[in-house]
Amino acid sequence: MDAQLLAFVAVAAGMVALPGADFTVVVRNALTSRRSGLATALGVVGGLVVHTALAAAGLAAVLVAVPVLFRSLQLLGGAYVLYLGLSGLYAMRRRARRATAGAGAEEQAAIRALPGLGRSLRQGFLTNALNPKAPVLFLSLLPQFVPAGEPPLPRTVLLASVVVLLGLLWFPAVALLVDRLGRWLRRPRTTRAIEGGSGTALTALGLVLVTGPLLH
């Protein structure tokens, strides 16, 4: 493995592991169940496949070069992240109301009813695929690690595959860790705090994407 590829692996690992909307959604869904968390993680990886494929094909350059298209993706992604954030805040309030009302064990079990795996997969995929910063990131990052004189397409495909592999390792690991700590993390107060924190973070990020300036 050449030094340039090793350097890219290190950079890409930091990029994938950096907490953001993907991480937040995986953690939130993993609190519901391990299967839901893993499905969300696989959805995120599916979004990474889309972004890396676009970058390898050069389509990301078109998206970045056309402000209207880029802004449309930015608004769509921001609106979806905002929706996830508000949903998390609503779930936190609902749990708090039921806890105050002294909900029984049966009702508490209903609150924790598992969402469909398809829904979790879709949430992970859309959270990543609609991230407007990803095309810029991949477009600016991947070419830096293509050696001069080497055909760009095979190298870009290799680098893109590294990113997908790292995502496939990291996000399921996060879901499994959350599930492993589930007994503590699923305590009513802890769950409400995590839902509130993740909901607030996603809502703030969504507002930034919807109301902020063009990100390039």
N, C-alpha and C. Protein backbone atom coordinates (compact mmCIF):
# COMPACT_ATOMS: atom_id res chain seq x y z
N MET A 1 0.85 -1.20 0.00
CA MET A 1 0.00 0.00 0.00
C MET A 1 0.88 1.25 0.00
N ASP A 2 0.68 2.16 -0.96
CA ASP A 2 1.55 3.31 -1.06
C ASP A 2 1.23 4.34 0.01
N ALA A 3 2.18 5.24 0.25
CA ALA A 3 2.04 6.23 1.32
C ALA A 3 0.86 7.15 1.09
N GLN A 4 0.61 7.49 -0.16
CA GLN A 4 -0.50 8.40 -0.46
C GLN A 4 -1.84 7.75 -0.13
N LEU A 5 -1.96 6.47 -0.39
CA LEU A 5 -3.20 5.76 -0.08
C LEU A 5 -3.37 5.63 1.43
N LEU A 6 -2.27 5.38 2.14
CA LEU A 6 -2.34 5.32 3.61
C LEU A 6 -2.79 6.66 4.19
N ALA A 7 -2.26 7.73 3.64
CA ALA A 7 -2.66 9.06 4.10
C ALA A 7 -4.15 9.29 3.85
N PHE A 8 -4.64 8.84 2.70
CA PHE A 8 -6.06 9.01 2.40
C PHE A 8 -6.92 8.21 3.37
N VAL A 9 -6.49 6.99 3.70
CA VAL A 9 -7.25 6.17 4.65
C VAL A 9 -7.40 6.91 5.98
N ALA A 10 -6.31 7.54 6.44
CA ALA A 10 -6.36 8.27 7.70
C ALA A 10 -7.31 9.45 7.62
N VAL A 11 -7.23 10.21 6.53
CA VAL A 11 -8.10 11.37 6.35
C VAL A 11 -9.56 10.93 6.24
N ALA A 12 -9.80 9.90 5.44
CA ALA A 12 -11.17 9.42 5.23
C ALA A 12 -11.76 8.86 6.52
N ALA A 13 -10.93 8.18 7.32
CA ALA A 13 -11.42 7.64 8.59
C ALA A 13 -11.89 8.76 9.52
N GLY A 14 -11.11 9.83 9.57
CA GLY A 14 -11.52 10.96 10.39
C GLY A 14 -12.79 11.61 9.86
N MET A 15 -12.92 11.67 8.54
CA MET A 15 -14.10 12.26 7.92
C MET A 15 -15.34 11.44 8.22
N VAL A 16 -15.23 10.13 8.12
CA VAL A 16 -16.37 9.25 8.35
C VAL A 16 -16.78 9.25 9.82
N ALA A 17 -15.79 9.26 10.73
CA ALA A 17 -16.07 9.17 12.16
C ALA A 17 -16.51 10.50 12.77
N LEU A 18 -16.33 11.60 12.06
CA LEU A 18 -16.69 12.90 12.61
C LEU A 18 -18.19 12.94 12.92
N PRO A 19 -18.57 13.22 14.16
CA PRO A 19 -20.00 13.24 14.51
C PRO A 19 -20.77 14.27 13.69
N GLY A 20 -21.90 13.87 13.19
CA GLY A 20 -22.76 14.74 12.41
C GLY A 20 -24.15 14.17 12.35
N ALA A 21 -24.89 14.53 11.33
CA ALA A 21 -26.27 14.06 11.21
C ALA A 21 -26.33 12.54 11.09
N ASP A 22 -25.40 11.95 10.31
CA ASP A 22 -25.39 10.49 10.15
C ASP A 22 -25.22 9.80 11.50
N PHE A 23 -24.22 10.23 12.24
CA PHE A 23 -23.93 9.65 13.56
C PHE A 23 -25.14 9.79 14.48
N THR A 24 -25.74 10.97 14.48
CA THR A 24 -26.86 11.24 15.37
C THR A 24 -28.05 10.34 15.07
N VAL A 25 -28.37 10.17 13.81
CA VAL A 25 -29.51 9.35 13.43
C VAL A 25 -29.26 7.88 13.76
N VAL A 26 -28.04 7.40 13.53
CA VAL A 26 -27.71 6.01 13.86
C VAL A 26 -27.86 5.77 15.36
N VAL A 27 -27.33 6.69 16.17
CA VAL A 27 -27.43 6.54 17.63
C VAL A 27 -28.89 6.56 18.07
N ARG A 28 -29.66 7.49 17.55
CA ARG A 28 -31.06 7.60 17.97
C ARG A 28 -31.84 6.34 17.64
N ASN A 29 -31.65 5.81 16.44
CA ASN A 29 -32.40 4.61 16.06
C ASN A 29 -31.87 3.36 16.76
N ALA A 30 -30.57 3.34 17.06
CA ALA A 30 -30.01 2.19 17.78
C ALA A 30 -30.56 2.11 19.19
N LEU A 31 -31.00 3.24 19.74
CA LEU A 31 -31.62 3.22 21.06
C LEU A 31 -32.94 2.46 21.04
N THR A 32 -33.59 2.44 19.89
CA THR A 32 -34.84 1.69 19.76
C THR A 32 -34.57 0.20 19.71
N SER A 33 -33.62 -0.19 18.88
CA SER A 33 -33.24 -1.60 18.80
C SER A 33 -31.95 -1.73 18.01
N ARG A 34 -31.27 -2.85 18.21
CA ARG A 34 -30.04 -3.10 17.47
C ARG A 34 -30.33 -3.20 15.98
N ARG A 35 -31.42 -3.89 15.62
CA ARG A 35 -31.76 -4.05 14.21
C ARG A 35 -32.04 -2.71 13.54
N SER A 36 -32.74 -1.85 14.25
CA SER A 36 -33.04 -0.53 13.71
C SER A 36 -31.77 0.28 13.52
N GLY A 37 -30.87 0.22 14.50
CA GLY A 37 -29.60 0.93 14.39
C GLY A 37 -28.75 0.43 13.24
N LEU A 38 -28.70 -0.92 13.08
CA LEU A 38 -27.90 -1.48 11.99
C LEU A 38 -28.51 -1.14 10.63
N ALA A 39 -29.84 -1.15 10.54
CA ALA A 39 -30.49 -0.79 9.29
C ALA A 39 -30.19 0.66 8.93
N THR A 40 -30.22 1.54 9.93
CA THR A 40 -29.89 2.94 9.69
C THR A 40 -28.45 3.09 9.24
N ALA A 41 -27.55 2.35 9.87
CA ALA A 41 -26.14 2.39 9.50
C ALA A 41 -25.94 1.96 8.05
N LEU A 42 -26.62 0.90 7.64
CA LEU A 42 -26.51 0.44 6.25
C LEU A 42 -27.09 1.48 5.29
N GLY A 43 -28.13 2.17 5.73
CA GLY A 43 -28.68 3.24 4.90
C GLY A 43 -27.68 4.36 4.69
N VAL A 44 -26.97 4.72 5.76
CA VAL A 44 -25.94 5.76 5.66
C VAL A 44 -24.86 5.33 4.67
N VAL A 45 -24.45 4.07 4.75
CA VAL A 45 -23.44 3.56 3.83
C VAL A 45 -23.96 3.61 2.39
N GLY A 46 -25.25 3.33 2.21
CA GLY A 46 -25.84 3.45 0.89
C GLY A 46 -25.73 4.87 0.35
N GLY A 47 -25.92 5.86 1.23
CA GLY A 47 -25.73 7.26 0.81
C GLY A 47 -24.30 7.54 0.43
N LEU A 48 -23.36 6.97 1.17
CA LEU A 48 -21.94 7.13 0.82
C LEU A 48 -21.64 6.55 -0.55
N VAL A 49 -22.27 5.42 -0.86
CA VAL A 49 -22.07 4.81 -2.18
C VAL A 49 -22.52 5.77 -3.27
N VAL A 50 -23.66 6.43 -3.04
CA VAL A 50 -24.17 7.38 -4.03
C VAL A 50 -23.19 8.53 -4.23
N HIS A 51 -22.71 9.12 -3.13
CA HIS A 51 -21.81 10.27 -3.24
C HIS A 51 -20.48 9.89 -3.88
N THR A 52 -19.93 8.77 -3.47
CA THR A 52 -18.64 8.37 -4.04
C THR A 52 -18.79 8.00 -5.52
N ALA A 53 -19.91 7.39 -5.88
CA ALA A 53 -20.13 7.05 -7.29
C ALA A 53 -20.27 8.31 -8.14
N LEU A 54 -20.98 9.31 -7.60
CA LEU A 54 -21.12 10.57 -8.32
C LEU A 54 -19.77 11.26 -8.49
N ALA A 55 -18.97 11.23 -7.43
CA ALA A 55 -17.65 11.85 -7.51
C ALA A 55 -16.77 11.13 -8.53
N ALA A 56 -16.83 9.79 -8.52
CA ALA A 56 -16.02 9.02 -9.46
C ALA A 56 -16.45 9.27 -10.90
N ALA A 57 -17.75 9.49 -11.09
CA ALA A 57 -18.27 9.72 -12.44
C ALA A 57 -18.13 11.17 -12.86
N GLY A 58 -17.73 12.04 -11.96
CA GLY A 58 -17.58 13.45 -12.29
C GLY A 58 -18.87 14.24 -12.21
N LEU A 59 -19.97 13.60 -11.82
CA LEU A 59 -21.24 14.31 -11.77
C LEU A 59 -21.29 15.31 -10.62
N ALA A 60 -20.52 15.05 -9.58
CA ALA A 60 -20.50 15.99 -8.46
C ALA A 60 -19.99 17.35 -8.91
N ALA A 61 -19.08 17.36 -9.89
CA ALA A 61 -18.57 18.63 -10.40
C ALA A 61 -19.67 19.45 -11.05
N VAL A 62 -20.57 18.77 -11.74
CA VAL A 62 -21.70 19.45 -12.37
C VAL A 62 -22.61 20.04 -11.31
N LEU A 63 -22.87 19.27 -10.26
CA LEU A 63 -23.75 19.73 -9.19
C LEU A 63 -23.17 20.98 -8.52
N VAL A 64 -21.88 20.95 -8.26
CA VAL A 64 -21.24 22.10 -7.61
C VAL A 64 -21.18 23.30 -8.54
N ALA A 65 -21.05 23.06 -9.84
CA ALA A 65 -20.90 24.15 -10.80
C ALA A 65 -22.22 24.86 -11.11
N VAL A 66 -23.34 24.22 -10.81
CA VAL A 66 -24.66 24.80 -11.10
C VAL A 66 -25.30 25.20 -9.77
N PRO A 67 -25.26 26.48 -9.42
CA PRO A 67 -25.75 26.91 -8.11
C PRO A 67 -27.19 26.54 -7.82
N VAL A 68 -28.05 26.57 -8.84
CA VAL A 68 -29.47 26.25 -8.61
C VAL A 68 -29.63 24.80 -8.16
N LEU A 69 -28.92 23.89 -8.81
CA LEU A 69 -29.00 22.48 -8.43
C LEU A 69 -28.44 22.27 -7.03
N PHE A 70 -27.33 22.92 -6.77
CA PHE A 70 -26.70 22.75 -5.46
C PHE A 70 -27.61 23.29 -4.35
N ARG A 71 -28.18 24.47 -4.58
CA ARG A 71 -29.06 25.07 -3.59
C ARG A 71 -30.31 24.24 -3.38
N SER A 72 -30.81 23.62 -4.45
CA SER A 72 -31.99 22.76 -4.33
C SER A 72 -31.69 21.57 -3.43
N LEU A 73 -30.51 20.96 -3.63
CA LEU A 73 -30.11 19.84 -2.78
C LEU A 73 -29.93 20.31 -1.35
N GLN A 74 -29.36 21.50 -1.18
CA GLN A 74 -29.15 22.05 0.15
C GLN A 74 -30.48 22.23 0.89
N LEU A 75 -31.47 22.78 0.20
CA LEU A 75 -32.78 23.01 0.81
C LEU A 75 -33.48 21.69 1.12
N LEU A 76 -33.41 20.76 0.17
CA LEU A 76 -34.06 19.47 0.38
C LEU A 76 -33.42 18.71 1.54
N GLY A 77 -32.10 18.69 1.57
CA GLY A 77 -31.42 18.02 2.68
C GLY A 77 -31.67 18.69 4.00
N GLY A 78 -31.65 20.03 4.01
CA GLY A 78 -31.93 20.76 5.25
C GLY A 78 -33.32 20.51 5.76
N ALA A 79 -34.30 20.48 4.85
CA ALA A 79 -35.68 20.23 5.26
C ALA A 79 -35.83 18.84 5.86
N TYR A 80 -35.14 17.85 5.29
CA TYR A 80 -35.25 16.49 5.82
C TYR A 80 -34.58 16.37 7.19
N VAL A 81 -33.41 16.96 7.34
CA VAL A 81 -32.73 16.93 8.64
C VAL A 81 -33.55 17.67 9.69
N LEU A 82 -34.17 18.78 9.29
CA LEU A 82 -35.03 19.53 10.19
C LEU A 82 -36.22 18.68 10.63
N TYR A 83 -36.79 17.94 9.69
CA TYR A 83 -37.90 17.04 10.02
C TYR A 83 -37.47 15.99 11.04
N LEU A 84 -36.29 15.39 10.84
CA LEU A 84 -35.80 14.39 11.79
C LEU A 84 -35.59 15.01 13.16
N GLY A 85 -35.06 16.22 13.20
CA GLY A 85 -34.83 16.89 14.48
C GLY A 85 -36.12 17.17 15.22
N LEU A 86 -37.10 17.71 14.54
CA LEU A 86 -38.38 18.00 15.16
C LEU A 86 -39.09 16.72 15.61
N SER A 87 -38.92 15.66 14.83
CA SER A 87 -39.50 14.37 15.23
C SER A 87 -38.88 13.87 16.53
N GLY A 88 -37.55 14.06 16.66
CA GLY A 88 -36.88 13.66 17.89
C GLY A 88 -37.35 14.46 19.09
N LEU A 89 -37.54 15.76 18.92
CA LEU A 89 -38.02 16.60 20.01
C LEU A 89 -39.45 16.23 20.40
N TYR A 90 -40.25 15.91 19.40
CA TYR A 90 -41.63 15.49 19.69
C TYR A 90 -41.64 14.17 20.47
N ALA A 91 -40.77 13.23 20.06
CA ALA A 91 -40.69 11.95 20.77
C ALA A 91 -40.26 12.15 22.22
N MET A 92 -39.33 13.08 22.44
CA MET A 92 -38.89 13.37 23.81
C MET A 92 -40.05 13.91 24.65
N ARG A 93 -40.82 14.83 24.10
CA ARG A 93 -41.96 15.40 24.83
C ARG A 93 -43.02 14.34 25.10
N ARG A 94 -43.23 13.46 24.15
CA ARG A 94 -44.23 12.40 24.33
C ARG A 94 -43.81 11.45 25.45
N ARG A 95 -42.53 11.09 25.49
CA ARG A 95 -42.06 10.22 26.57
C ARG A 95 -42.22 10.92 27.92
N ALA A 96 -41.88 12.22 27.95
CA ALA A 96 -41.98 12.95 29.21
C ALA A 96 -43.42 13.01 29.71
N ARG A 97 -44.37 13.24 28.80
CA ARG A 97 -45.78 13.30 29.20
C ARG A 97 -46.25 11.96 29.72
N ARG A 98 -45.87 10.89 29.05
CA ARG A 98 -46.31 9.56 29.49
C ARG A 98 -45.68 9.18 30.83
N ALA A 99 -44.42 9.57 31.00
CA ALA A 99 -43.75 9.27 32.27
C ALA A 99 -44.42 10.03 33.42
N THR A 100 -44.78 11.30 33.16
CA THR A 100 -45.45 12.11 34.18
C THR A 100 -46.81 11.54 34.52
N ALA A 101 -47.47 10.98 33.50
CA ALA A 101 -48.81 10.42 33.72
C ALA A 101 -48.74 9.03 34.33
N GLY A 102 -47.52 8.52 34.51
CA GLY A 102 -47.37 7.20 35.13
C GLY A 102 -47.77 6.08 34.22
N ALA A 103 -47.33 6.10 33.00
CA ALA A 103 -47.68 5.06 32.05
C ALA A 103 -47.22 3.71 32.56
N GLY A 104 -48.05 2.68 32.32
CA GLY A 104 -47.74 1.33 32.76
C GLY A 104 -46.71 0.68 31.87
N ALA A 105 -46.33 -0.53 32.27
CA ALA A 105 -45.30 -1.25 31.51
C ALA A 105 -45.75 -1.49 30.08
N GLU A 106 -47.04 -1.77 29.90
CA GLU A 106 -47.52 -2.05 28.55
C GLU A 106 -47.42 -0.82 27.67
N GLU A 107 -47.77 0.33 28.24
CA GLU A 107 -47.69 1.56 27.48
C GLU A 107 -46.24 1.92 27.18
N GLN A 108 -45.36 1.70 28.16
CA GLN A 108 -43.94 1.97 27.92
C GLN A 108 -43.40 1.09 26.81
N ALA A 109 -43.86 -0.16 26.76
CA ALA A 109 -43.43 -1.05 25.69
C ALA A 109 -43.92 -0.54 24.34
N ALA A 110 -45.12 0.00 24.33
CA ALA A 110 -45.67 0.54 23.08
C ALA A 110 -44.86 1.74 22.60
N ILE A 111 -44.40 2.55 23.57
CA ILE A 111 -43.58 3.70 23.21
C ILE A 111 -42.32 3.26 22.49
N ARG A 112 -41.78 2.13 22.95
CA ARG A 112 -40.52 1.65 22.38
C ARG A 112 -40.74 0.72 21.19
N ALA A 113 -41.97 0.72 20.66
CA ALA A 113 -42.27 -0.15 19.52
C ALA A 113 -41.27 0.08 18.39
N LEU A 114 -40.82 -1.00 17.83
CA LEU A 114 -39.77 -0.91 16.82
C LEU A 114 -40.30 -0.28 15.53
N PRO A 115 -39.59 0.70 15.00
CA PRO A 115 -39.98 1.21 13.69
C PRO A 115 -39.62 0.17 12.64
N GLY A 116 -40.29 0.23 11.50
CA GLY A 116 -39.97 -0.71 10.43
C GLY A 116 -38.52 -0.58 10.02
N LEU A 117 -37.90 -1.71 9.69
CA LEU A 117 -36.50 -1.67 9.28
C LEU A 117 -36.34 -0.88 7.99
N GLY A 118 -37.36 -0.95 7.13
CA GLY A 118 -37.31 -0.17 5.90
C GLY A 118 -37.27 1.31 6.18
N ARG A 119 -38.01 1.73 7.20
CA ARG A 119 -38.01 3.15 7.57
C ARG A 119 -36.65 3.56 8.11
N SER A 120 -36.06 2.72 8.94
CA SER A 120 -34.73 3.03 9.48
C SER A 120 -33.69 3.10 8.37
N LEU A 121 -33.76 2.14 7.45
CA LEU A 121 -32.84 2.13 6.31
C LEU A 121 -33.00 3.40 5.49
N ARG A 122 -34.24 3.79 5.26
CA ARG A 122 -34.52 4.99 4.46
C ARG A 122 -34.01 6.25 5.16
N GLN A 123 -34.20 6.31 6.47
CA GLN A 123 -33.73 7.49 7.21
C GLN A 123 -32.22 7.63 7.10
N GLY A 124 -31.50 6.53 7.27
CA GLY A 124 -30.04 6.59 7.15
C GLY A 124 -29.61 7.00 5.77
N PHE A 125 -30.25 6.41 4.76
CA PHE A 125 -29.87 6.72 3.37
C PHE A 125 -30.13 8.17 3.03
N LEU A 126 -31.32 8.67 3.35
CA LEU A 126 -31.67 10.04 2.98
C LEU A 126 -30.84 11.06 3.76
N THR A 127 -30.56 10.76 5.02
CA THR A 127 -29.75 11.69 5.82
C THR A 127 -28.39 11.91 5.18
N ASN A 128 -27.80 10.83 4.67
CA ASN A 128 -26.49 10.96 4.04
C ASN A 128 -26.59 11.44 2.59
N ALA A 129 -27.49 10.85 1.82
CA ALA A 129 -27.58 11.17 0.40
C ALA A 129 -27.97 12.62 0.15
N LEU A 130 -28.76 13.21 1.07
CA LEU A 130 -29.21 14.59 0.89
C LEU A 130 -28.29 15.61 1.56
N ASN A 131 -27.14 15.14 2.02
CA ASN A 131 -26.17 16.05 2.64
C ASN A 131 -25.51 16.89 1.55
N PRO A 132 -25.77 18.20 1.50
CA PRO A 132 -25.24 19.02 0.40
C PRO A 132 -23.73 19.26 0.48
N LYS A 133 -23.14 19.01 1.65
CA LYS A 133 -21.71 19.24 1.76
C LYS A 133 -20.90 18.09 1.16
N ALA A 134 -21.52 16.91 1.06
CA ALA A 134 -20.79 15.74 0.60
C ALA A 134 -20.23 15.88 -0.80
N PRO A 135 -21.00 16.37 -1.80
CA PRO A 135 -20.41 16.50 -3.14
C PRO A 135 -19.17 17.39 -3.16
N VAL A 136 -19.22 18.50 -2.42
CA VAL A 136 -18.06 19.39 -2.36
C VAL A 136 -16.89 18.69 -1.70
N LEU A 137 -17.16 17.97 -0.62
CA LEU A 137 -16.11 17.29 0.12
C LEU A 137 -15.42 16.25 -0.74
N PHE A 138 -16.21 15.39 -1.37
CA PHE A 138 -15.61 14.33 -2.18
C PHE A 138 -14.92 14.90 -3.41
N LEU A 139 -15.51 15.92 -4.02
CA LEU A 139 -14.93 16.51 -5.21
C LEU A 139 -13.58 17.17 -4.91
N SER A 140 -13.46 17.75 -3.73
CA SER A 140 -12.21 18.42 -3.37
C SER A 140 -11.20 17.45 -2.77
N LEU A 141 -11.66 16.36 -2.16
CA LEU A 141 -10.76 15.45 -1.46
C LEU A 141 -10.15 14.40 -2.37
N LEU A 142 -10.98 13.71 -3.13
CA LEU A 142 -10.49 12.57 -3.91
C LEU A 142 -9.37 12.93 -4.89
N PRO A 143 -9.50 14.02 -5.65
CA PRO A 143 -8.42 14.32 -6.62
C PRO A 143 -7.06 14.58 -5.97
N GLN A 144 -7.06 14.96 -4.69
CA GLN A 144 -5.79 15.25 -4.03
C GLN A 144 -4.94 14.00 -3.85
N PHE A 145 -5.56 12.84 -3.95
CA PHE A 145 -4.85 11.59 -3.69
C PHE A 145 -4.73 10.73 -4.95
N VAL A 146 -4.86 11.37 -6.11
CA VAL A 146 -4.62 10.69 -7.38
C VAL A 146 -3.24 11.10 -7.86
N PRO A 147 -2.27 10.18 -7.86
CA PRO A 147 -0.90 10.53 -8.26
C PRO A 147 -0.85 11.09 -9.67
N ALA A 148 0.05 12.04 -9.87
CA ALA A 148 0.23 12.64 -11.19
C ALA A 148 0.63 11.56 -12.20
N GLY A 149 0.02 11.62 -13.36
CA GLY A 149 0.34 10.68 -14.42
C GLY A 149 -0.42 9.38 -14.35
N GLU A 150 -1.17 9.15 -13.27
CA GLU A 150 -1.94 7.92 -13.13
C GLU A 150 -3.36 8.16 -13.65
N PRO A 151 -3.96 7.18 -14.36
CA PRO A 151 -5.34 7.34 -14.83
C PRO A 151 -6.27 7.65 -13.65
N PRO A 152 -7.04 8.72 -13.73
CA PRO A 152 -7.82 9.15 -12.56
C PRO A 152 -8.97 8.22 -12.18
N LEU A 153 -9.62 7.61 -13.16
CA LEU A 153 -10.83 6.84 -12.84
C LEU A 153 -10.55 5.62 -11.94
N PRO A 154 -9.59 4.74 -12.27
CA PRO A 154 -9.35 3.58 -11.39
C PRO A 154 -8.96 4.00 -9.98
N ARG A 155 -8.12 5.02 -9.87
CA ARG A 155 -7.68 5.48 -8.56
C ARG A 155 -8.86 6.07 -7.78
N THR A 156 -9.69 6.86 -8.45
CA THR A 156 -10.84 7.47 -7.79
C THR A 156 -11.81 6.41 -7.30
N VAL A 157 -12.03 5.37 -8.12
CA VAL A 157 -12.90 4.27 -7.71
C VAL A 157 -12.34 3.58 -6.48
N LEU A 158 -11.01 3.39 -6.45
CA LEU A 158 -10.37 2.77 -5.28
C LEU A 158 -10.58 3.62 -4.03
N LEU A 159 -10.34 4.93 -4.16
CA LEU A 159 -10.50 5.82 -3.01
C LEU A 159 -11.96 5.84 -2.55
N ALA A 160 -12.88 5.86 -3.49
CA ALA A 160 -14.30 5.85 -3.14
C ALA A 160 -14.66 4.57 -2.40
N SER A 161 -14.07 3.45 -2.85
CA SER A 161 -14.33 2.16 -2.19
C SER A 161 -13.81 2.16 -0.76
N VAL A 162 -12.69 2.83 -0.53
CA VAL A 162 -12.14 2.94 0.83
C VAL A 162 -13.12 3.68 1.74
N VAL A 163 -13.70 4.77 1.24
CA VAL A 163 -14.65 5.54 2.04
C VAL A 163 -15.86 4.68 2.40
N VAL A 164 -16.39 3.95 1.42
CA VAL A 164 -17.55 3.09 1.67
C VAL A 164 -17.20 2.00 2.68
N LEU A 165 -16.04 1.40 2.54
CA LEU A 165 -15.62 0.34 3.48
C LEU A 165 -15.49 0.89 4.90
N LEU A 166 -14.91 2.07 5.04
CA LEU A 166 -14.78 2.67 6.37
C LEU A 166 -16.17 2.95 6.97
N GLY A 167 -17.08 3.43 6.14
CA GLY A 167 -18.44 3.65 6.63
C GLY A 167 -19.10 2.35 7.04
N LEU A 168 -18.84 1.30 6.29
CA LEU A 168 -19.42 -0.01 6.58
C LEU A 168 -18.87 -0.58 7.88
N LEU A 169 -17.67 -0.17 8.27
CA LEU A 169 -17.09 -0.60 9.54
C LEU A 169 -17.56 0.29 10.70
N TRP A 170 -17.59 1.61 10.47
CA TRP A 170 -17.82 2.56 11.55
C TRP A 170 -19.28 2.62 12.01
N PHE A 171 -20.20 2.83 11.10
CA PHE A 171 -21.57 3.08 11.52
C PHE A 171 -22.25 1.86 12.14
N PRO A 172 -22.08 0.64 11.61
CA PRO A 172 -22.60 -0.52 12.34
C PRO A 172 -21.94 -0.70 13.70
N ALA A 173 -20.65 -0.35 13.81
CA ALA A 173 -19.98 -0.44 15.11
C ALA A 173 -20.61 0.52 16.11
N VAL A 174 -20.97 1.73 15.67
CA VAL A 174 -21.64 2.69 16.54
C VAL A 174 -22.98 2.12 16.99
N ALA A 175 -23.74 1.54 16.06
CA ALA A 175 -25.04 0.97 16.40
C ALA A 175 -24.90 -0.16 17.41
N LEU A 176 -23.91 -1.02 17.21
CA LEU A 176 -23.70 -2.13 18.13
C LEU A 176 -23.25 -1.65 19.51
N LEU A 177 -22.43 -0.62 19.54
CA LEU A 177 -21.98 -0.08 20.82
C LEU A 177 -23.14 0.53 21.60
N VAL A 178 -23.99 1.27 20.90
CA VAL A 178 -25.17 1.85 21.56
C VAL A 178 -26.07 0.75 22.10
N ASP A 179 -26.26 -0.30 21.30
CA ASP A 179 -27.08 -1.42 21.76
C ASP A 179 -26.44 -2.12 22.96
N ARG A 180 -25.11 -2.22 22.94
CA ARG A 180 -24.38 -2.87 24.05
C ARG A 180 -24.58 -2.10 25.34
N LEU A 181 -24.62 -0.78 25.24
CA LEU A 181 -24.83 0.07 26.41
C LEU A 181 -26.32 0.34 26.65
N GLY A 182 -27.14 -0.45 25.97
CA GLY A 182 -28.58 -0.17 25.96
C GLY A 182 -29.23 -0.10 27.32
N ARG A 183 -28.82 -0.96 28.26
CA ARG A 183 -29.48 -0.97 29.57
C ARG A 183 -29.39 0.39 30.24
N TRP A 184 -28.24 1.04 30.12
CA TRP A 184 -28.09 2.38 30.71
C TRP A 184 -28.69 3.45 29.81
N LEU A 185 -28.43 3.34 28.50
CA LEU A 185 -28.89 4.37 27.57
C LEU A 185 -30.40 4.40 27.43
N ARG A 186 -31.06 3.26 27.70
CA ARG A 186 -32.51 3.21 27.53
C ARG A 186 -33.28 3.54 28.80
N ARG A 187 -32.57 3.95 29.85
CA ARG A 187 -33.29 4.45 31.01
C ARG A 187 -34.11 5.66 30.59
N PRO A 188 -35.33 5.81 31.13
CA PRO A 188 -36.22 6.89 30.66
C PRO A 188 -35.57 8.26 30.62
N ARG A 189 -34.88 8.65 31.68
CA ARG A 189 -34.27 9.98 31.69
C ARG A 189 -33.15 10.10 30.67
N THR A 190 -32.33 9.03 30.57
CA THR A 190 -31.23 9.06 29.62
C THR A 190 -31.75 9.10 28.19
N THR A 191 -32.79 8.28 27.92
CA THR A 191 -33.37 8.26 26.58
C THR A 191 -33.93 9.62 26.21
N ARG A 192 -34.64 10.25 27.14
CA ARG A 192 -35.20 11.57 26.85
C ARG A 192 -34.09 12.60 26.62
N ALA A 193 -33.00 12.49 27.39
CA ALA A 193 -31.89 13.43 27.21
C ALA A 193 -31.24 13.25 25.85
N ILE A 194 -31.03 12.00 25.43
CA ILE A 194 -30.42 11.74 24.14
C ILE A 194 -31.33 12.18 23.01
N GLU A 195 -32.62 11.87 23.13
CA GLU A 195 -33.57 12.30 22.10
C GLU A 195 -33.63 13.82 22.02
N GLY A 196 -33.61 14.46 23.19
CA GLY A 196 -33.63 15.92 23.19
C GLY A 196 -32.38 16.51 22.58
N GLY A 197 -31.22 15.94 22.96
CA GLY A 197 -29.96 16.44 22.41
C GLY A 197 -29.84 16.21 20.92
N SER A 198 -30.18 14.99 20.48
CA SER A 198 -30.09 14.69 19.05
C SER A 198 -31.11 15.49 18.26
N GLY A 199 -32.31 15.64 18.83
CA GLY A 199 -33.34 16.43 18.15
C GLY A 199 -32.93 17.88 18.00
N THR A 200 -32.34 18.43 19.06
CA THR A 200 -31.88 19.82 19.01
C THR A 200 -30.76 19.99 17.99
N ALA A 201 -29.81 19.04 17.99
CA ALA A 201 -28.68 19.12 17.06
C ALA A 201 -29.15 19.03 15.61
N LEU A 202 -30.05 18.09 15.33
CA LEU A 202 -30.54 17.93 13.97
C LEU A 202 -31.39 19.12 13.53
N THR A 203 -32.19 19.65 14.46
CA THR A 203 -33.01 20.82 14.14
C THR A 203 -32.12 22.02 13.81
N ALA A 204 -31.08 22.22 14.62
CA ALA A 204 -30.17 23.34 14.38
C ALA A 204 -29.45 23.18 13.05
N LEU A 205 -28.99 21.96 12.74
CA LEU A 205 -28.30 21.72 11.48
C LEU A 205 -29.25 21.94 10.30
N GLY A 206 -30.48 21.46 10.45
CA GLY A 206 -31.46 21.66 9.39
C GLY A 206 -31.73 23.13 9.13
N LEU A 207 -31.85 23.91 10.20
CA LEU A 207 -32.09 25.34 10.04
C LEU A 207 -30.91 26.03 9.36
N VAL A 208 -29.69 25.61 9.72
CA VAL A 208 -28.50 26.19 9.09
C VAL A 208 -28.50 25.90 7.58
N LEU A 209 -28.85 24.67 7.23
CA LEU A 209 -28.83 24.30 5.81
C LEU A 209 -29.93 25.02 5.03
N VAL A 210 -31.09 25.19 5.66
CA VAL A 210 -32.22 25.81 4.96
C VAL A 210 -32.05 27.32 4.84
N THR A 211 -31.55 27.94 5.90
CA THR A 211 -31.47 29.40 5.91
C THR A 211 -30.09 29.95 5.61
N GLY A 212 -29.07 29.09 5.62
CA GLY A 212 -27.70 29.56 5.45
C GLY A 212 -27.38 29.90 4.01
N PRO A 213 -26.23 30.53 3.79
CA PRO A 213 -25.79 30.85 2.43
C PRO A 213 -25.37 29.62 1.68
N LEU A 214 -25.21 29.76 0.39
CA LEU A 214 -24.77 28.67 -0.45
C LEU A 214 -23.41 28.14 0.05
N LEU A 215 -23.28 26.82 0.19
CA LEU A 215 -22.10 26.25 0.82
C LEU A 215 -20.97 25.98 -0.18
N HIS A 216 -20.61 26.92 -0.97
CA HIS A 216 -19.40 26.79 -1.80
C HIS A 216 -19.06 28.13 -2.41
